[in-house]
Amino acid sequence: MWVHIIGLDLVKRVFQVHGADSAGNVQFREKLSRPQFKKFLSKNPDCIVAMEACSTAHHWGCEAEGFGHIVRLIPPYYVKPFAKRYKNEAVDAEAIVEAALLPSKSFVAVKTKEQ
């Protein structure tokens, strides 16, 4: 299975992960703990990893870039219009993917550890 983009909803103990191909078709939906997610990033071929911009997103963005992925941090107000149903982590992860696939969106740069 080839994944073009991974949407990630960062929550406290587990992460909701949503994978899609370049057309936006769902390839997988998973819940992963933090150690499982790090292992998942290392084994996955290079792709786009998208998440809402927040303080922990910069840490996970650096981790993903370290494994060769392209990181897109999206301001939360760009993601909100794409959530189609009631709010939960799976819906948020899917909305992040849809927002990240639009070419006209602007993204937040990942801060380095020094910053």
C-alpha atoms as a PDB file:
ATOM      1  CA  MET A   1       0.000   0.000   0.000  1.00  0.00           C
ATOM      2  CA  TRP A   2       1.436   3.369  -1.021  1.00  0.00           C
ATOM      3  CA  VAL A   3       0.600   6.375   1.122  1.00  0.00           C
ATOM      4  CA  HIS A   4       1.041   9.922  -0.142  1.00  0.00           C
ATOM      5  CA  ILE A   5       0.010  11.728   3.048  1.00  0.00           C
ATOM      6  CA  ILE A   6      -0.426  10.921   6.711  1.00  0.00           C
ATOM      7  CA  GLY A   7      -2.703  13.077   8.832  1.00  0.00           C
ATOM      8  CA  LEU A   8      -1.932  13.062  12.526  1.00  0.00           C
ATOM      9  CA  ASP A   9      -4.151  14.214  15.366  1.00  0.00           C
ATOM     10  CA  LEU A  10      -1.937  14.716  18.406  1.00  0.00           C
ATOM     11  CA  VAL A  11      -3.633  13.774  21.659  1.00  0.00           C
ATOM     12  CA  LYS A  12      -2.198  13.033  25.085  1.00  0.00           C
ATOM     13  CA  ARG A  13      -1.580   9.277  25.176  1.00  0.00           C
ATOM     14  CA  VAL A  14      -2.318   7.994  21.677  1.00  0.00           C
ATOM     15  CA  PHE A  15      -2.208   9.521  18.204  1.00  0.00           C
ATOM     16  CA  GLN A  16      -4.911   9.060  15.600  1.00  0.00           C
ATOM     17  CA  VAL A  17      -3.261   8.429  12.228  1.00  0.00           C
ATOM     18  CA  HIS A  18      -5.049   8.722   8.873  1.00  0.00           C
ATOM     19  CA  GLY A  19      -3.268   7.646   5.680  1.00  0.00           C
ATOM     20  CA  ALA A  20      -4.399   8.572   2.175  1.00  0.00           C
ATOM     21  CA  ASP A  21      -3.144   8.337  -1.391  1.00  0.00           C
ATOM     22  CA  SER A  22      -2.607  11.391  -3.617  1.00  0.00           C
ATOM     23  CA  ALA A  23      -6.300  11.453  -4.597  1.00  0.00           C
ATOM     24  CA  GLY A  24      -7.352  11.539  -0.935  1.00  0.00           C
ATOM     25  CA  ASN A  25      -8.622   7.942  -0.833  1.00  0.00           C
ATOM     26  CA  VAL A  26      -8.326   6.363   2.615  1.00  0.00           C
ATOM     27  CA  GLN A  27      -5.568   3.757   2.922  1.00  0.00           C
ATOM     28  CA  PHE A  28      -5.688   3.236   6.692  1.00  0.00           C
ATOM     29  CA  ARG A  29      -6.892   4.618  10.021  1.00  0.00           C
ATOM     30  CA  GLU A  30      -5.016   3.671  13.170  1.00  0.00           C
ATOM     31  CA  LYS A  31      -4.496   4.648  16.788  1.00  0.00           C
ATOM     32  CA  LEU A  32      -0.863   4.512  17.869  1.00  0.00           C
ATOM     33  CA  SER A  33       0.942   5.227  21.106  1.00  0.00           C
ATOM     34  CA  ARG A  34       3.904   7.594  21.014  1.00  0.00           C
ATOM     35  CA  PRO A  35       6.562   4.821  20.799  1.00  0.00           C
ATOM     36  CA  GLN A  36       4.488   2.970  18.190  1.00  0.00           C
ATOM     37  CA  PHE A  37       4.170   6.150  16.131  1.00  0.00           C
ATOM     38  CA  LYS A  38       7.916   6.759  16.151  1.00  0.00           C
ATOM     39  CA  LYS A  39       8.492   3.194  14.934  1.00  0.00           C
ATOM     40  CA  PHE A  40       5.722   3.687  12.343  1.00  0.00           C
ATOM     41  CA  LEU A  41       7.481   6.807  10.991  1.00  0.00           C
ATOM     42  CA  SER A  42      10.801   5.004  10.693  1.00  0.00           C
ATOM     43  CA  LYS A  43       9.310   2.105   8.713  1.00  0.00           C
ATOM     44  CA  ASN A  44       7.047   4.135   6.415  1.00  0.00           C
ATOM     45  CA  PRO A  45       8.388   5.313   3.038  1.00  0.00           C
ATOM     46  CA  ASP A  46       8.896   9.056   2.658  1.00  0.00           C
ATOM     47  CA  CYS A  47       5.608  10.934   2.428  1.00  0.00           C
ATOM     48  CA  ILE A  48       3.887  14.075   3.695  1.00  0.00           C
ATOM     49  CA  VAL A  49       3.113  14.124   7.413  1.00  0.00           C
ATOM     50  CA  ALA A  50       0.493  16.736   8.253  1.00  0.00           C
ATOM     51  CA  MET A  51      -0.702  17.892  11.669  1.00  0.00           C
ATOM     52  CA  GLU A  52      -2.272  20.901  13.308  1.00  0.00           C
ATOM     53  CA  ALA A  53       0.281  23.470  14.419  1.00  0.00           C
ATOM     54  CA  CYS A  54       0.758  23.366  18.183  1.00  0.00           C
ATOM     55  CA  SER A  55       3.717  23.171  20.560  1.00  0.00           C
ATOM     56  CA  THR A  56       4.070  19.364  20.376  1.00  0.00           C
ATOM     57  CA  ALA A  57       3.653  19.399  16.593  1.00  0.00           C
ATOM     58  CA  HIS A  58       7.084  21.001  16.272  1.00  0.00           C
ATOM     59  CA  HIS A  59       8.676  18.143  18.217  1.00  0.00           C
ATOM     60  CA  TRP A  60       6.939  15.486  16.125  1.00  0.00           C
ATOM     61  CA  GLY A  61       7.671  17.480  12.979  1.00  0.00           C
ATOM     62  CA  CYS A  62      11.401  17.315  13.756  1.00  0.00           C
ATOM     63  CA  GLU A  63      11.088  13.564  14.382  1.00  0.00           C
ATOM     64  CA  ALA A  64       9.303  13.031  11.048  1.00  0.00           C
ATOM     65  CA  GLU A  65      11.821  15.165   9.149  1.00  0.00           C
ATOM     66  CA  GLY A  66      14.594  13.087  10.706  1.00  0.00           C
ATOM     67  CA  PHE A  67      13.116  10.030   8.978  1.00  0.00           C
ATOM     68  CA  GLY A  68      12.952  11.855   5.620  1.00  0.00           C
ATOM     69  CA  HIS A  69       9.280  12.874   5.608  1.00  0.00           C
ATOM     70  CA  ILE A  70       7.942  16.240   4.447  1.00  0.00           C
ATOM     71  CA  VAL A  71       6.121  17.963   7.311  1.00  0.00           C
ATOM     72  CA  ARG A  72       3.167  20.299   6.931  1.00  0.00           C
ATOM     73  CA  LEU A  73       1.952  22.092  10.037  1.00  0.00           C
ATOM     74  CA  ILE A  74      -1.484  23.560   9.461  1.00  0.00           C
ATOM     75  CA  PRO A  75      -3.060  26.325  11.553  1.00  0.00           C
ATOM     76  CA  PRO A  76      -6.149  24.883  13.322  1.00  0.00           C
ATOM     77  CA  TYR A  77      -8.508  27.417  11.737  1.00  0.00           C
ATOM     78  CA  TYR A  78      -7.689  25.942   8.294  1.00  0.00           C
ATOM     79  CA  VAL A  79      -8.595  22.440   9.473  1.00  0.00           C
ATOM     80  CA  LYS A  80     -11.907  23.171  11.204  1.00  0.00           C
ATOM     81  CA  PRO A  81     -14.003  23.631   8.014  1.00  0.00           C
ATOM     82  CA  PHE A  82     -13.033  20.122   6.834  1.00  0.00           C
ATOM     83  CA  ALA A  83     -14.404  18.277   9.886  1.00  0.00           C
ATOM     84  CA  LYS A  84     -17.654  16.883   8.496  1.00  0.00           C
ATOM     85  CA  ARG A  85     -19.083  15.052  11.490  1.00  0.00           C
ATOM     86  CA  TYR A  86     -19.033  15.176  15.258  1.00  0.00           C
ATOM     87  CA  LYS A  87     -15.654  15.985  16.769  1.00  0.00           C
ATOM     88  CA  ASN A  88     -13.298  13.140  17.613  1.00  0.00           C
ATOM     89  CA  GLU A  89      -9.688  12.264  16.858  1.00  0.00           C
ATOM     90  CA  ALA A  90     -10.414  10.168  13.741  1.00  0.00           C
ATOM     91  CA  VAL A  91     -12.498  12.953  12.171  1.00  0.00           C
ATOM     92  CA  ASP A  92      -9.804  15.508  13.009  1.00  0.00           C
ATOM     93  CA  ALA A  93      -7.060  13.369  11.427  1.00  0.00           C
ATOM     94  CA  GLU A  94      -9.111  13.012   8.240  1.00  0.00           C
ATOM     95  CA  ALA A  95      -9.795  16.769   8.160  1.00  0.00           C
ATOM     96  CA  ILE A  96      -6.063  17.447   8.533  1.00  0.00           C
ATOM     97  CA  VAL A  97      -5.357  15.300   5.457  1.00  0.00           C
ATOM     98  CA  GLU A  98      -7.994  17.091   3.397  1.00  0.00           C
ATOM     99  CA  ALA A  99      -6.716  20.519   4.422  1.00  0.00           C
ATOM    100  CA  ALA A 100      -3.094  19.569   3.702  1.00  0.00           C
ATOM    101  CA  LEU A 101      -3.918  18.337   0.189  1.00  0.00           C
ATOM    102  CA  LEU A 102      -5.145  21.761  -0.941  1.00  0.00           C
ATOM    103  CA  PRO A 103      -2.397  23.558  -2.897  1.00  0.00           C
ATOM    104  CA  SER A 104      -3.453  27.066  -1.876  1.00  0.00           C
ATOM    105  CA  LYS A 105      -2.941  26.630   1.889  1.00  0.00           C
ATOM    106  CA  SER A 106      -0.036  28.187   3.731  1.00  0.00           C
ATOM    107  CA  PHE A 107       1.778  26.119   6.331  1.00  0.00           C
ATOM    108  CA  VAL A 108       3.727  26.856   9.495  1.00  0.00           C
ATOM    109  CA  ALA A 109       7.464  26.124   9.426  1.00  0.00           C
ATOM    110  CA  VAL A 110       8.743  23.501  11.853  1.00  0.00           C
ATOM    111  CA  LYS A 111      10.840  25.042  14.595  1.00  0.00           C
ATOM    112  CA  THR A 112      14.218  23.515  15.266  1.00  0.00           C
ATOM    113  CA  LYS A 113      15.262  22.398  18.748  1.00  0.00           C
ATOM    114  CA  GLU A 114      17.390  25.535  19.062  1.00  0.00           C
ATOM    115  CA  GLN A 115      14.442  27.812  18.371  1.00  0.00           C
END
